[in-house]
Amino acid sequence: LRLNQATIAELHSYTKPPEEVPTVMKATFLLLGHSEKDLQDWSQIQNLLGRLGRESVRRRCYELNPLGIPVDKAREAKAILRNYDLLRVSEISVGLSAFYSWAATMIEEREKLLESQRRIR
């Protein structure tokens, strides 16, 4: 997974990104706890991508525990990504594919945790 600063800078630098970029990043930020209204347009997403330190997307992705993801956010992110796959996203940007892979993994982990919680009850 290449969630490094160069990857983030590449995505942040787009002025008019291909539709895959804001879509994948919207799913990413939903999983990180942002609301739909914070992610309406590319400039809002770009602003979040540009944050540094504790607020940096890289740090937040590495520190996120799948259990901390609200189930409704995971479902919303999954719905947003349903028409995409790793190959399609990779053709746009290797950096974007890192975020796609991260988001897909977090959604899958959250679903597994939900399923195991249901079995315990």
PDB file of N, CA and C in Angstrom:
ATOM      1  N   LEU A   1       0.850  -1.188   0.000  1.00  0.00           N
ATOM      2  CA  LEU A   1       0.000   0.000   0.000  1.00  0.00           C
ATOM      3  C   LEU A   1       0.886   1.238   0.000  1.00  0.00           C
ATOM      4  N   ARG A   2       0.682   2.100  -0.976  1.00  0.00           N
ATOM      5  CA  ARG A   2       1.534   3.276  -1.131  1.00  0.00           C
ATOM      6  C   ARG A   2       0.798   4.551  -0.743  1.00  0.00           C
ATOM      7  N   LEU A   3       0.413   4.647   0.510  1.00  0.00           N
ATOM      8  CA  LEU A   3      -0.236   5.866   0.990  1.00  0.00           C
ATOM      9  C   LEU A   3       0.841   6.832   1.467  1.00  0.00           C
ATOM     10  N   ASN A   4       1.713   7.247   0.546  1.00  0.00           N
ATOM     11  CA  ASN A   4       2.771   8.162   0.949  1.00  0.00           C
ATOM     12  C   ASN A   4       2.440   9.595   0.534  1.00  0.00           C
ATOM     13  N   GLN A   5       3.294  10.520   0.945  1.00  0.00           N
ATOM     14  CA  GLN A   5       3.020  11.927   0.694  1.00  0.00           C
ATOM     15  C   GLN A   5       2.999  12.245  -0.800  1.00  0.00           C
ATOM     16  N   ALA A   6       3.824  11.565  -1.582  1.00  0.00           N
ATOM     17  CA  ALA A   6       3.845  11.805  -3.032  1.00  0.00           C
ATOM     18  C   ALA A   6       2.504  11.418  -3.664  1.00  0.00           C
ATOM     19  N   THR A   7       1.948  10.309  -3.214  1.00  0.00           N
ATOM     20  CA  THR A   7       0.637   9.851  -3.679  1.00  0.00           C
ATOM     21  C   THR A   7      -0.429  10.888  -3.369  1.00  0.00           C
ATOM     22  N   ILE A   8      -0.415  11.365  -2.141  1.00  0.00           N
ATOM     23  CA  ILE A   8      -1.411  12.339  -1.703  1.00  0.00           C
ATOM     24  C   ILE A   8      -1.239  13.649  -2.462  1.00  0.00           C
ATOM     25  N   ALA A   9       0.005  14.084  -2.638  1.00  0.00           N
ATOM     26  CA  ALA A   9       0.281  15.328  -3.376  1.00  0.00           C
ATOM     27  C   ALA A   9      -0.198  15.217  -4.822  1.00  0.00           C
ATOM     28  N   GLU A  10       0.004  14.047  -5.424  1.00  0.00           N
ATOM     29  CA  GLU A  10      -0.450  13.831  -6.805  1.00  0.00           C
ATOM     30  C   GLU A  10      -1.965  14.014  -6.905  1.00  0.00           C
ATOM     31  N   LEU A  11      -2.701  13.394  -6.014  1.00  0.00           N
ATOM     32  CA  LEU A  11      -4.161  13.494  -6.041  1.00  0.00           C
ATOM     33  C   LEU A  11      -4.619  14.911  -5.717  1.00  0.00           C
ATOM     34  N   HIS A  12      -3.967  15.532  -4.755  1.00  0.00           N
ATOM     35  CA  HIS A  12      -4.305  16.895  -4.333  1.00  0.00           C
ATOM     36  C   HIS A  12      -4.102  17.889  -5.475  1.00  0.00           C
ATOM     37  N   SER A  13      -3.146  17.610  -6.357  1.00  0.00           N
ATOM     38  CA  SER A  13      -2.786  18.563  -7.418  1.00  0.00           C
ATOM     39  C   SER A  13      -3.802  18.643  -8.560  1.00  0.00           C
ATOM     40  N   TYR A  14      -4.697  17.688  -8.661  1.00  0.00           N
ATOM     41  CA  TYR A  14      -5.692  17.724  -9.741  1.00  0.00           C
ATOM     42  C   TYR A  14      -6.580  18.961  -9.627  1.00  0.00           C
ATOM     43  N   THR A  15      -6.751  19.665 -10.749  1.00  0.00           N
ATOM     44  CA  THR A  15      -7.718  20.767 -10.745  1.00  0.00           C
ATOM     45  C   THR A  15      -9.068  20.263 -11.235  1.00  0.00           C
ATOM     46  N   LYS A  16      -9.044  19.432 -12.273  1.00  0.00           N
ATOM     47  CA  LYS A  16     -10.273  18.800 -12.772  1.00  0.00           C
ATOM     48  C   LYS A  16     -10.013  17.298 -12.876  1.00  0.00           C
ATOM     49  N   PRO A  17     -10.164  16.609 -11.757  1.00  0.00           N
ATOM     50  CA  PRO A  17      -9.826  15.182 -11.746  1.00  0.00           C
ATOM     51  C   PRO A  17     -10.835  14.333 -12.508  1.00  0.00           C
ATOM     52  N   PRO A  18     -10.371  13.180 -13.024  1.00  0.00           N
ATOM     53  CA  PRO A  18     -11.319  12.213 -13.592  1.00  0.00           C
ATOM     54  C   PRO A  18     -12.298  11.803 -12.489  1.00  0.00           C
ATOM     55  N   GLU A  19     -13.505  11.429 -12.865  1.00  0.00           N
ATOM     56  CA  GLU A  19     -14.561  11.141 -11.879  1.00  0.00           C
ATOM     57  C   GLU A  19     -14.157  10.110 -10.827  1.00  0.00           C
ATOM     58  N   GLU A  20     -13.263   9.198 -11.185  1.00  0.00           N
ATOM     59  CA  GLU A  20     -12.846   8.163 -10.236  1.00  0.00           C
ATOM     60  C   GLU A  20     -12.155   8.758  -9.006  1.00  0.00           C
ATOM     61  N   VAL A  21     -11.426   9.857  -9.211  1.00  0.00           N
ATOM     62  CA  VAL A  21     -10.649  10.437  -8.106  1.00  0.00           C
ATOM     63  C   VAL A  21     -11.556  10.952  -6.985  1.00  0.00           C
ATOM     64  N   PRO A  22     -12.474  11.890  -7.266  1.00  0.00           N
ATOM     65  CA  PRO A  22     -13.329  12.333  -6.164  1.00  0.00           C
ATOM     66  C   PRO A  22     -14.215  11.218  -5.603  1.00  0.00           C
ATOM     67  N   THR A  23     -14.612  10.277  -6.439  1.00  0.00           N
ATOM     68  CA  THR A  23     -15.474   9.187  -5.969  1.00  0.00           C
ATOM     69  C   THR A  23     -14.750   8.303  -4.959  1.00  0.00           C
ATOM     70  N   VAL A  24     -13.549   7.862  -5.301  1.00  0.00           N
ATOM     71  CA  VAL A  24     -12.781   7.006  -4.388  1.00  0.00           C
ATOM     72  C   VAL A  24     -12.413   7.771  -3.120  1.00  0.00           C
ATOM     73  N   MET A  25     -12.045   9.036  -3.275  1.00  0.00           N
ATOM     74  CA  MET A  25     -11.668   9.820  -2.096  1.00  0.00           C
ATOM     75  C   MET A  25     -12.879  10.118  -1.218  1.00  0.00           C
ATOM     76  N   LYS A  26     -14.032  10.275  -1.822  1.00  0.00           N
ATOM     77  CA  LYS A  26     -15.256  10.478  -1.036  1.00  0.00           C
ATOM     78  C   LYS A  26     -15.518   9.247  -0.163  1.00  0.00           C
ATOM     79  N   ALA A  27     -15.399   8.065  -0.754  1.00  0.00           N
ATOM     80  CA  ALA A  27     -15.579   6.826   0.014  1.00  0.00           C
ATOM     81  C   ALA A  27     -14.551   6.740   1.142  1.00  0.00           C
ATOM     82  N   THR A  28     -13.313   7.117   0.842  1.00  0.00           N
ATOM     83  CA  THR A  28     -12.247   7.100   1.850  1.00  0.00           C
ATOM     84  C   THR A  28     -12.601   7.994   3.031  1.00  0.00           C
ATOM     85  N   PHE A  29     -13.006   9.224   2.729  1.00  0.00           N
ATOM     86  CA  PHE A  29     -13.301  10.172   3.807  1.00  0.00           C
ATOM     87  C   PHE A  29     -14.589   9.825   4.563  1.00  0.00           C
ATOM     88  N   LEU A  30     -15.530   9.169   3.909  1.00  0.00           N
ATOM     89  CA  LEU A  30     -16.711   8.677   4.635  1.00  0.00           C
ATOM     90  C   LEU A  30     -16.278   7.660   5.690  1.00  0.00           C
ATOM     91  N   LEU A  31     -15.396   6.753   5.292  1.00  0.00           N
ATOM     92  CA  LEU A  31     -14.901   5.737   6.224  1.00  0.00           C
ATOM     93  C   LEU A  31     -14.127   6.369   7.379  1.00  0.00           C
ATOM     94  N   LEU A  32     -13.495   7.505   7.102  1.00  0.00           N
ATOM     95  CA  LEU A  32     -12.741   8.218   8.142  1.00  0.00           C
ATOM     96  C   LEU A  32     -13.643   9.075   9.027  1.00  0.00           C
ATOM     97  N   GLY A  33     -14.956   9.054   8.750  1.00  0.00           N
ATOM     98  CA  GLY A  33     -15.899   9.714   9.639  1.00  0.00           C
ATOM     99  C   GLY A  33     -16.484  11.026   9.162  1.00  0.00           C
ATOM    100  N   HIS A  34     -16.138  11.453   7.963  1.00  0.00           N
ATOM    101  CA  HIS A  34     -16.702  12.703   7.447  1.00  0.00           C
ATOM    102  C   HIS A  34     -18.126  12.473   6.960  1.00  0.00           C
ATOM    103  N   SER A  35     -18.912  13.535   6.975  1.00  0.00           N
ATOM    104  CA  SER A  35     -20.292  13.420   6.507  1.00  0.00           C
ATOM    105  C   SER A  35     -20.365  13.751   5.021  1.00  0.00           C
ATOM    106  N   GLU A  36     -21.426  13.298   4.420  1.00  0.00           N
ATOM    107  CA  GLU A  36     -21.689  13.526   2.996  1.00  0.00           C
ATOM    108  C   GLU A  36     -21.616  15.018   2.654  1.00  0.00           C
ATOM    109  N   LYS A  37     -22.125  15.859   3.553  1.00  0.00           N
ATOM    110  CA  LYS A  37     -22.141  17.302   3.253  1.00  0.00           C
ATOM    111  C   LYS A  37     -20.736  17.912   3.232  1.00  0.00           C
ATOM    112  N   ASP A  38     -19.768  17.265   3.881  1.00  0.00           N
ATOM    113  CA  ASP A  38     -18.375  17.738   3.851  1.00  0.00           C
ATOM    114  C   ASP A  38     -17.659  17.318   2.574  1.00  0.00           C
ATOM    115  N   LEU A  39     -18.325  16.512   1.755  1.00  0.00           N
ATOM    116  CA  LEU A  39     -17.668  15.887   0.602  1.00  0.00           C
ATOM    117  C   LEU A  39     -18.426  16.135  -0.695  1.00  0.00           C
ATOM    118  N   GLN A  40     -19.108  17.256  -0.778  1.00  0.00           N
ATOM    119  CA  GLN A  40     -19.962  17.549  -1.935  1.00  0.00           C
ATOM    120  C   GLN A  40     -19.183  17.828  -3.213  1.00  0.00           C
ATOM    121  N   ASP A  41     -18.059  18.519  -3.088  1.00  0.00           N
ATOM    122  CA  ASP A  41     -17.327  18.855  -4.314  1.00  0.00           C
ATOM    123  C   ASP A  41     -15.829  18.631  -4.134  1.00  0.00           C
ATOM    124  N   TRP A  42     -15.129  18.692  -5.250  1.00  0.00           N
ATOM    125  CA  TRP A  42     -13.706  18.386  -5.263  1.00  0.00           C
ATOM    126  C   TRP A  42     -12.908  19.321  -4.361  1.00  0.00           C
ATOM    127  N   SER A  43     -13.280  20.594  -4.288  1.00  0.00           N
ATOM    128  CA  SER A  43     -12.505  21.527  -3.457  1.00  0.00           C
ATOM    129  C   SER A  43     -12.554  21.129  -1.979  1.00  0.00           C
ATOM    130  N   GLN A  44     -13.678  20.609  -1.521  1.00  0.00           N
ATOM    131  CA  GLN A  44     -13.781  20.148  -0.131  1.00  0.00           C
ATOM    132  C   GLN A  44     -12.877  18.932   0.097  1.00  0.00           C
ATOM    133  N   ILE A  45     -12.892  18.017  -0.861  1.00  0.00           N
ATOM    134  CA  ILE A  45     -12.070  16.809  -0.758  1.00  0.00           C
ATOM    135  C   ILE A  45     -10.589  17.182  -0.836  1.00  0.00           C
ATOM    136  N   GLN A  46     -10.264  18.112  -1.734  1.00  0.00           N
ATOM    137  CA  GLN A  46      -8.886  18.592  -1.881  1.00  0.00           C
ATOM    138  C   GLN A  46      -8.383  19.197  -0.569  1.00  0.00           C
ATOM    139  N   ASN A  47      -9.243  19.959   0.071  1.00  0.00           N
ATOM    140  CA  ASN A  47      -8.894  20.574   1.352  1.00  0.00           C
ATOM    141  C   ASN A  47      -8.535  19.492   2.376  1.00  0.00           C
ATOM    142  N   LEU A  48      -9.329  18.437   2.439  1.00  0.00           N
ATOM    143  CA  LEU A  48      -9.055  17.343   3.373  1.00  0.00           C
ATOM    144  C   LEU A  48      -7.756  16.624   3.016  1.00  0.00           C
ATOM    145  N   LEU A  49      -7.498  16.470   1.724  1.00  0.00           N
ATOM    146  CA  LEU A  49      -6.255  15.828   1.273  1.00  0.00           C
ATOM    147  C   LEU A  49      -5.029  16.642   1.662  1.00  0.00           C
ATOM    148  N   GLY A  50      -5.191  17.956   1.752  1.00  0.00           N
ATOM    149  CA  GLY A  50      -4.066  18.841   2.042  1.00  0.00           C
ATOM    150  C   GLY A  50      -3.722  18.974   3.512  1.00  0.00           C
ATOM    151  N   ARG A  51      -4.499  18.379   4.377  1.00  0.00           N
ATOM    152  CA  ARG A  51      -4.230  18.505   5.817  1.00  0.00           C
ATOM    153  C   ARG A  51      -2.969  17.734   6.209  1.00  0.00           C
ATOM    154  N   LEU A  52      -2.305  18.260   7.212  1.00  0.00           N
ATOM    155  CA  LEU A  52      -1.030  17.682   7.652  1.00  0.00           C
ATOM    156  C   LEU A  52      -1.102  17.251   9.119  1.00  0.00           C
ATOM    157  N   GLY A  53      -0.060  16.578   9.569  1.00  0.00           N
ATOM    158  CA  GLY A  53       0.040  16.182  10.976  1.00  0.00           C
ATOM    159  C   GLY A  53      -1.036  15.200  11.384  1.00  0.00           C
ATOM    160  N   ARG A  54      -1.620  15.440  12.563  1.00  0.00           N
ATOM    161  CA  ARG A  54      -2.656  14.535  13.088  1.00  0.00           C
ATOM    162  C   ARG A  54      -3.847  14.405  12.164  1.00  0.00           C
ATOM    163  N   GLU A  55      -4.119  15.472  11.416  1.00  0.00           N
ATOM    164  CA  GLU A  55      -5.282  15.497  10.528  1.00  0.00           C
ATOM    165  C   GLU A  55      -4.987  14.935   9.136  1.00  0.00           C
ATOM    166  N   SER A  56      -3.744  14.520   8.893  1.00  0.00           N
ATOM    167  CA  SER A  56      -3.396  14.051   7.543  1.00  0.00           C
ATOM    168  C   SER A  56      -4.150  12.766   7.212  1.00  0.00           C
ATOM    169  N   VAL A  57      -4.549  12.658   5.961  1.00  0.00           N
ATOM    170  CA  VAL A  57      -5.305  11.483   5.523  1.00  0.00           C
ATOM    171  C   VAL A  57      -4.461  10.219   5.687  1.00  0.00           C
ATOM    172  N   ARG A  58      -3.178  10.321   5.442  1.00  0.00           N
ATOM    173  CA  ARG A  58      -2.291   9.168   5.564  1.00  0.00           C
ATOM    174  C   ARG A  58      -2.305   8.632   6.999  1.00  0.00           C
ATOM    175  N   ARG A  59      -2.080   9.514   7.932  1.00  0.00           N
ATOM    176  CA  ARG A  59      -2.048   9.108   9.338  1.00  0.00           C
ATOM    177  C   ARG A  59      -3.397   8.541   9.772  1.00  0.00           C
ATOM    178  N   ARG A  60      -4.458   9.201   9.376  1.00  0.00           N
ATOM    179  CA  ARG A  60      -5.794   8.759   9.766  1.00  0.00           C
ATOM    180  C   ARG A  60      -6.119   7.383   9.181  1.00  0.00           C
ATOM    181  N   CYS A  61      -5.690   7.133   7.955  1.00  0.00           N
ATOM    182  CA  CYS A  61      -5.910   5.812   7.341  1.00  0.00           C
ATOM    183  C   CYS A  61      -5.150   4.729   8.106  1.00  0.00           C
ATOM    184  N   TYR A  62      -3.892   5.015   8.441  1.00  0.00           N
ATOM    185  CA  TYR A  62      -3.090   4.022   9.159  1.00  0.00           C
ATOM    186  C   TYR A  62      -3.624   3.745  10.560  1.00  0.00           C
ATOM    187  N   GLU A  63      -4.229   4.760  11.179  1.00  0.00           N
ATOM    188  CA  GLU A  63      -4.675   4.608  12.565  1.00  0.00           C
ATOM    189  C   GLU A  63      -6.114   4.115  12.711  1.00  0.00           C
ATOM    190  N   LEU A  64      -6.859   4.078  11.632  1.00  0.00           N
ATOM    191  CA  LEU A  64      -8.275   3.723  11.744  1.00  0.00           C
ATOM    192  C   LEU A  64      -8.473   2.247  12.087  1.00  0.00           C
ATOM    193  N   ASN A  65      -9.264   2.011  13.115  1.00  0.00           N
ATOM    194  CA  ASN A  65      -9.664   0.663  13.492  1.00  0.00           C
ATOM    195  C   ASN A  65     -11.000   0.389  12.802  1.00  0.00           C
ATOM    196  N   PRO A  66     -11.105  -0.697  12.032  1.00  0.00           N
ATOM    197  CA  PRO A  66     -12.365  -0.982  11.332  1.00  0.00           C
ATOM    198  C   PRO A  66     -13.589  -1.018  12.254  1.00  0.00           C
ATOM    199  N   LEU A  67     -13.391  -1.396  13.516  1.00  0.00           N
ATOM    200  CA  LEU A  67     -14.507  -1.410  14.469  1.00  0.00           C
ATOM    201  C   LEU A  67     -15.062  -0.013  14.715  1.00  0.00           C
ATOM    202  N   GLY A  68     -14.228   1.000  14.491  1.00  0.00           N
ATOM    203  CA  GLY A  68     -14.650   2.379  14.702  1.00  0.00           C
ATOM    204  C   GLY A  68     -15.464   2.956  13.558  1.00  0.00           C
ATOM    205  N   ILE A  69     -15.603   2.211  12.485  1.00  0.00           N
ATOM    206  CA  ILE A  69     -16.362   2.692  11.324  1.00  0.00           C
ATOM    207  C   ILE A  69     -17.843   2.395  11.549  1.00  0.00           C
ATOM    208  N   PRO A  70     -18.694   3.425  11.556  1.00  0.00           N
ATOM    209  CA  PRO A  70     -20.131   3.155  11.663  1.00  0.00           C
ATOM    210  C   PRO A  70     -20.595   2.298  10.474  1.00  0.00           C
ATOM    211  N   VAL A  71     -21.438   1.330  10.748  1.00  0.00           N
ATOM    212  CA  VAL A  71     -21.902   0.403   9.709  1.00  0.00           C
ATOM    213  C   VAL A  71     -22.543   1.154   8.542  1.00  0.00           C
ATOM    214  N   ASP A  72     -23.318   2.206   8.836  1.00  0.00           N
ATOM    215  CA  ASP A  72     -23.969   2.949   7.752  1.00  0.00           C
ATOM    216  C   ASP A  72     -22.948   3.643   6.853  1.00  0.00           C
ATOM    217  N   LYS A  73     -21.830   4.098   7.425  1.00  0.00           N
ATOM    218  CA  LYS A  73     -20.775   4.734   6.618  1.00  0.00           C
ATOM    219  C   LYS A  73     -20.096   3.692   5.726  1.00  0.00           C
ATOM    220  N   ALA A  74     -19.881   2.503   6.261  1.00  0.00           N
ATOM    221  CA  ALA A  74     -19.275   1.429   5.470  1.00  0.00           C
ATOM    222  C   ALA A  74     -20.185   1.054   4.301  1.00  0.00           C
ATOM    223  N   ARG A  75     -21.483   0.989   4.565  1.00  0.00           N
ATOM    224  CA  ARG A  75     -22.439   0.655   3.492  1.00  0.00           C
ATOM    225  C   ARG A  75     -22.497   1.752   2.440  1.00  0.00           C
ATOM    226  N   GLU A  76     -22.457   2.994   2.894  1.00  0.00           N
ATOM    227  CA  GLU A  76     -22.484   4.131   1.974  1.00  0.00           C
ATOM    228  C   GLU A  76     -21.231   4.130   1.088  1.00  0.00           C
ATOM    229  N   ALA A  77     -20.080   3.898   1.698  1.00  0.00           N
ATOM    230  CA  ALA A  77     -18.823   3.850   0.944  1.00  0.00           C
ATOM    231  C   ALA A  77     -18.847   2.691  -0.060  1.00  0.00           C
ATOM    232  N   LYS A  78     -19.379   1.556   0.362  1.00  0.00           N
ATOM    233  CA  LYS A  78     -19.466   0.390  -0.529  1.00  0.00           C
ATOM    234  C   LYS A  78     -20.349   0.703  -1.737  1.00  0.00           C
ATOM    235  N   ALA A  79     -21.462   1.381  -1.491  1.00  0.00           N
ATOM    236  CA  ALA A  79     -22.370   1.752  -2.585  1.00  0.00           C
ATOM    237  C   ALA A  79     -21.685   2.714  -3.562  1.00  0.00           C
ATOM    238  N   ILE A  80     -20.913   3.640  -3.038  1.00  0.00           N
ATOM    239  CA  ILE A  80     -20.202   4.608  -3.878  1.00  0.00           C
ATOM    240  C   ILE A  80     -19.192   3.902  -4.780  1.00  0.00           C
ATOM    241  N   LEU A  81     -18.544   2.873  -4.248  1.00  0.00           N
ATOM    242  CA  LEU A  81     -17.482   2.176  -4.992  1.00  0.00           C
ATOM    243  C   LEU A  81     -17.987   1.006  -5.833  1.00  0.00           C
ATOM    244  N   ARG A  82     -19.280   0.709  -5.787  1.00  0.00           N
ATOM    245  CA  ARG A  82     -19.792  -0.518  -6.416  1.00  0.00           C
ATOM    246  C   ARG A  82     -19.496  -0.636  -7.910  1.00  0.00           C
ATOM    247  N   ASN A  83     -19.371   0.482  -8.622  1.00  0.00           N
ATOM    248  CA  ASN A  83     -19.117   0.427 -10.069  1.00  0.00           C
ATOM    249  C   ASN A  83     -17.634   0.493 -10.428  1.00  0.00           C
ATOM    250  N   TYR A  84     -16.787   0.384  -9.428  1.00  0.00           N
ATOM    251  CA  TYR A  84     -15.342   0.494  -9.652  1.00  0.00           C
ATOM    252  C   TYR A  84     -14.650  -0.804  -9.282  1.00  0.00           C
ATOM    253  N   ASP A  85     -13.477  -1.000  -9.856  1.00  0.00           N
ATOM    254  CA  ASP A  85     -12.625  -2.105  -9.441  1.00  0.00           C
ATOM    255  C   ASP A  85     -11.180  -1.618  -9.479  1.00  0.00           C
ATOM    256  N   LEU A  86     -10.288  -2.424  -8.938  1.00  0.00           N
ATOM    257  CA  LEU A  86      -8.893  -2.014  -8.796  1.00  0.00           C
ATOM    258  C   LEU A  86      -8.247  -1.715 -10.146  1.00  0.00           C
ATOM    259  N   LEU A  87      -8.551  -2.505 -11.149  1.00  0.00           N
ATOM    260  CA  LEU A  87      -7.951  -2.283 -12.466  1.00  0.00           C
ATOM    261  C   LEU A  87      -8.354  -0.926 -13.036  1.00  0.00           C
ATOM    262  N   ARG A  88      -9.621  -0.626 -12.997  1.00  0.00           N
ATOM    263  CA  ARG A  88     -10.112   0.656 -13.530  1.00  0.00           C
ATOM    264  C   ARG A  88      -9.452   1.833 -12.812  1.00  0.00           C
ATOM    265  N   VAL A  89      -9.387   1.746 -11.500  1.00  0.00           N
ATOM    266  CA  VAL A  89      -8.816   2.824 -10.701  1.00  0.00           C
ATOM    267  C   VAL A  89      -7.306   2.932 -10.942  1.00  0.00           C
ATOM    268  N   SER A  90      -6.625   1.793 -11.084  1.00  0.00           N
ATOM    269  CA  SER A  90      -5.175   1.787 -11.333  1.00  0.00           C
ATOM    270  C   SER A  90      -4.815   2.459 -12.648  1.00  0.00           C
ATOM    271  N   GLU A  91      -5.705   2.350 -13.619  1.00  0.00           N
ATOM    272  CA  GLU A  91      -5.443   2.984 -14.918  1.00  0.00           C
ATOM    273  C   GLU A  91      -5.459   4.503 -14.814  1.00  0.00           C
ATOM    274  N   ILE A  92      -6.161   5.031 -13.833  1.00  0.00           N
ATOM    275  CA  ILE A  92      -6.207   6.476 -13.599  1.00  0.00           C
ATOM    276  C   ILE A  92      -4.956   6.906 -12.848  1.00  0.00           C
ATOM    277  N   SER A  93      -4.650   6.193 -11.769  1.00  0.00           N
ATOM    278  CA  SER A  93      -3.544   6.590 -10.901  1.00  0.00           C
ATOM    279  C   SER A  93      -3.195   5.461  -9.941  1.00  0.00           C
ATOM    280  N   VAL A  94      -1.912   5.172  -9.834  1.00  0.00           N
ATOM    281  CA  VAL A  94      -1.453   4.167  -8.874  1.00  0.00           C
ATOM    282  C   VAL A  94      -1.766   4.651  -7.460  1.00  0.00           C
ATOM    283  N   GLY A  95      -1.613   5.948  -7.240  1.00  0.00           N
ATOM    284  CA  GLY A  95      -1.920   6.524  -5.932  1.00  0.00           C
ATOM    285  C   GLY A  95      -3.377   6.327  -5.560  1.00  0.00           C
ATOM    286  N   LEU A  96      -4.248   6.550  -6.528  1.00  0.00           N
ATOM    287  CA  LEU A  96      -5.676   6.372  -6.279  1.00  0.00           C
ATOM    288  C   LEU A  96      -5.982   4.912  -5.963  1.00  0.00           C
ATOM    289  N   SER A  97      -5.275   4.000  -6.622  1.00  0.00           N
ATOM    290  CA  SER A  97      -5.513   2.576  -6.371  1.00  0.00           C
ATOM    291  C   SER A  97      -5.157   2.204  -4.931  1.00  0.00           C
ATOM    292  N   ALA A  98      -4.189   2.904  -4.336  1.00  0.00           N
ATOM    293  CA  ALA A  98      -3.843   2.638  -2.932  1.00  0.00           C
ATOM    294  C   ALA A  98      -5.021   2.989  -2.027  1.00  0.00           C
ATOM    295  N   PHE A  99      -5.671   4.126  -2.298  1.00  0.00           N
ATOM    296  CA  PHE A  99      -6.834   4.516  -1.494  1.00  0.00           C
ATOM    297  C   PHE A  99      -8.023   3.594  -1.765  1.00  0.00           C
ATOM    298  N   TYR A 100      -8.191   3.178  -3.014  1.00  0.00           N
ATOM    299  CA  TYR A 100      -9.274   2.252  -3.344  1.00  0.00           C
ATOM    300  C   TYR A 100      -9.079   0.937  -2.568  1.00  0.00           C
ATOM    301  N   SER A 101      -7.862   0.415  -2.602  1.00  0.00           N
ATOM    302  CA  SER A 101      -7.565  -0.843  -1.900  1.00  0.00           C
ATOM    303  C   SER A 101      -7.796  -0.706  -0.404  1.00  0.00           C
ATOM    304  N   TRP A 102      -7.360   0.427   0.149  1.00  0.00           N
ATOM    305  CA  TRP A 102      -7.553   0.671   1.582  1.00  0.00           C
ATOM    306  C   TRP A 102      -9.046   0.693   1.910  1.00  0.00           C
ATOM    307  N   ALA A 103      -9.812   1.453   1.132  1.00  0.00           N
ATOM    308  CA  ALA A 103     -11.252   1.578   1.391  1.00  0.00           C
ATOM    309  C   ALA A 103     -11.944   0.221   1.267  1.00  0.00           C
ATOM    310  N   ALA A 104     -11.625  -0.526   0.217  1.00  0.00           N
ATOM    311  CA  ALA A 104     -12.246  -1.839   0.011  1.00  0.00           C
ATOM    312  C   ALA A 104     -11.920  -2.780   1.173  1.00  0.00           C
ATOM    313  N   THR A 105     -10.686  -2.733   1.647  1.00  0.00           N
ATOM    314  CA  THR A 105     -10.267  -3.571   2.771  1.00  0.00           C
ATOM    315  C   THR A 105     -11.002  -3.178   4.051  1.00  0.00           C
ATOM    316  N   MET A 106     -11.114  -1.879   4.306  1.00  0.00           N
ATOM    317  CA  MET A 106     -11.814  -1.409   5.510  1.00  0.00           C
ATOM    318  C   MET A 106     -13.292  -1.816   5.484  1.00  0.00           C
ATOM    319  N   ILE A 107     -13.919  -1.694   4.320  1.00  0.00           N
ATOM    320  CA  ILE A 107     -15.330  -2.085   4.185  1.00  0.00           C
ATOM    321  C   ILE A 107     -15.478  -3.583   4.462  1.00  0.00           C
ATOM    322  N   GLU A 108     -14.599  -4.373   3.864  1.00  0.00           N
ATOM    323  CA  GLU A 108     -14.645  -5.828   4.049  1.00  0.00           C
ATOM    324  C   GLU A 108     -14.419  -6.207   5.518  1.00  0.00           C
ATOM    325  N   GLU A 109     -13.437  -5.566   6.153  1.00  0.00           N
ATOM    326  CA  GLU A 109     -13.158  -5.849   7.565  1.00  0.00           C
ATOM    327  C   GLU A 109     -14.349  -5.477   8.445  1.00  0.00           C
ATOM    328  N   ARG A 110     -14.965  -4.337   8.143  1.00  0.00           N
ATOM    329  CA  ARG A 110     -16.120  -3.893   8.943  1.00  0.00           C
ATOM    330  C   ARG A 110     -17.279  -4.875   8.795  1.00  0.00           C
ATOM    331  N   GLU A 111     -17.477  -5.364   7.573  1.00  0.00           N
ATOM    332  CA  GLU A 111     -18.542  -6.344   7.339  1.00  0.00           C
ATOM    333  C   GLU A 111     -18.268  -7.649   8.085  1.00  0.00           C
ATOM    334  N   LYS A 112     -17.012  -8.093   8.088  1.00  0.00           N
ATOM    335  CA  LYS A 112     -16.647  -9.318   8.814  1.00  0.00           C
ATOM    336  C   LYS A 112     -16.891  -9.153  10.309  1.00  0.00           C
ATOM    337  N   LEU A 113     -16.522  -7.986  10.839  1.00  0.00           N
ATOM    338  CA  LEU A 113     -16.731  -7.718  12.265  1.00  0.00           C
ATOM    339  C   LEU A 113     -18.216  -7.713  12.608  1.00  0.00           C
ATOM    340  N   LEU A 114     -19.014  -7.121  11.740  1.00  0.00           N
ATOM    341  CA  LEU A 114     -20.461  -7.081  11.963  1.00  0.00           C
ATOM    342  C   LEU A 114     -21.029  -8.499  11.973  1.00  0.00           C
ATOM    343  N   GLU A 115     -20.585  -9.305  11.024  1.00  0.00           N
ATOM    344  CA  GLU A 115     -21.051 -10.689  10.929  1.00  0.00           C
ATOM    345  C   GLU A 115     -20.659 -11.481  12.180  1.00  0.00           C
ATOM    346  N   SER A 116     -19.434 -11.303  12.649  1.00  0.00           N
ATOM    347  CA  SER A 116     -19.007 -12.040  13.848  1.00  0.00           C
ATOM    348  C   SER A 116     -19.754 -11.545  15.090  1.00  0.00           C
ATOM    349  N   GLN A 117     -20.089 -10.254  15.142  1.00  0.00           N
ATOM    350  CA  GLN A 117     -20.883  -9.732  16.261  1.00  0.00           C
ATOM    351  C   GLN A 117     -22.279 -10.354  16.256  1.00  0.00           C
ATOM    352  N   ARG A 118     -22.844 -10.529  15.079  1.00  0.00           N
ATOM    353  CA  ARG A 118     -24.181 -11.135  14.964  1.00  0.00           C
ATOM    354  C   ARG A 118     -24.167 -12.587  15.426  1.00  0.00           C
ATOM    355  N   ARG A 119     -23.102 -13.315  15.088  1.00  0.00           N
ATOM    356  CA  ARG A 119     -23.008 -14.727  15.470  1.00  0.00           C
ATOM    357  C   ARG A 119     -22.864 -14.895  16.978  1.00  0.00           C
ATOM    358  N   ILE A 120     -22.223 -13.935  17.611  1.00  0.00           N
ATOM    359  CA  ILE A 120     -22.012 -14.007  19.064  1.00  0.00           C
ATOM    360  C   ILE A 120     -23.333 -13.843  19.807  1.00  0.00           C
ATOM    361  N   ARG A 121     -24.216 -13.032  19.287  1.00  0.00           N
ATOM    362  CA  ARG A 121     -25.488 -12.732  19.981  1.00  0.00           C
ATOM    363  C   ARG A 121     -26.419 -13.892  20.044  1.00  0.00           C
TER     364      ARG A 121
END
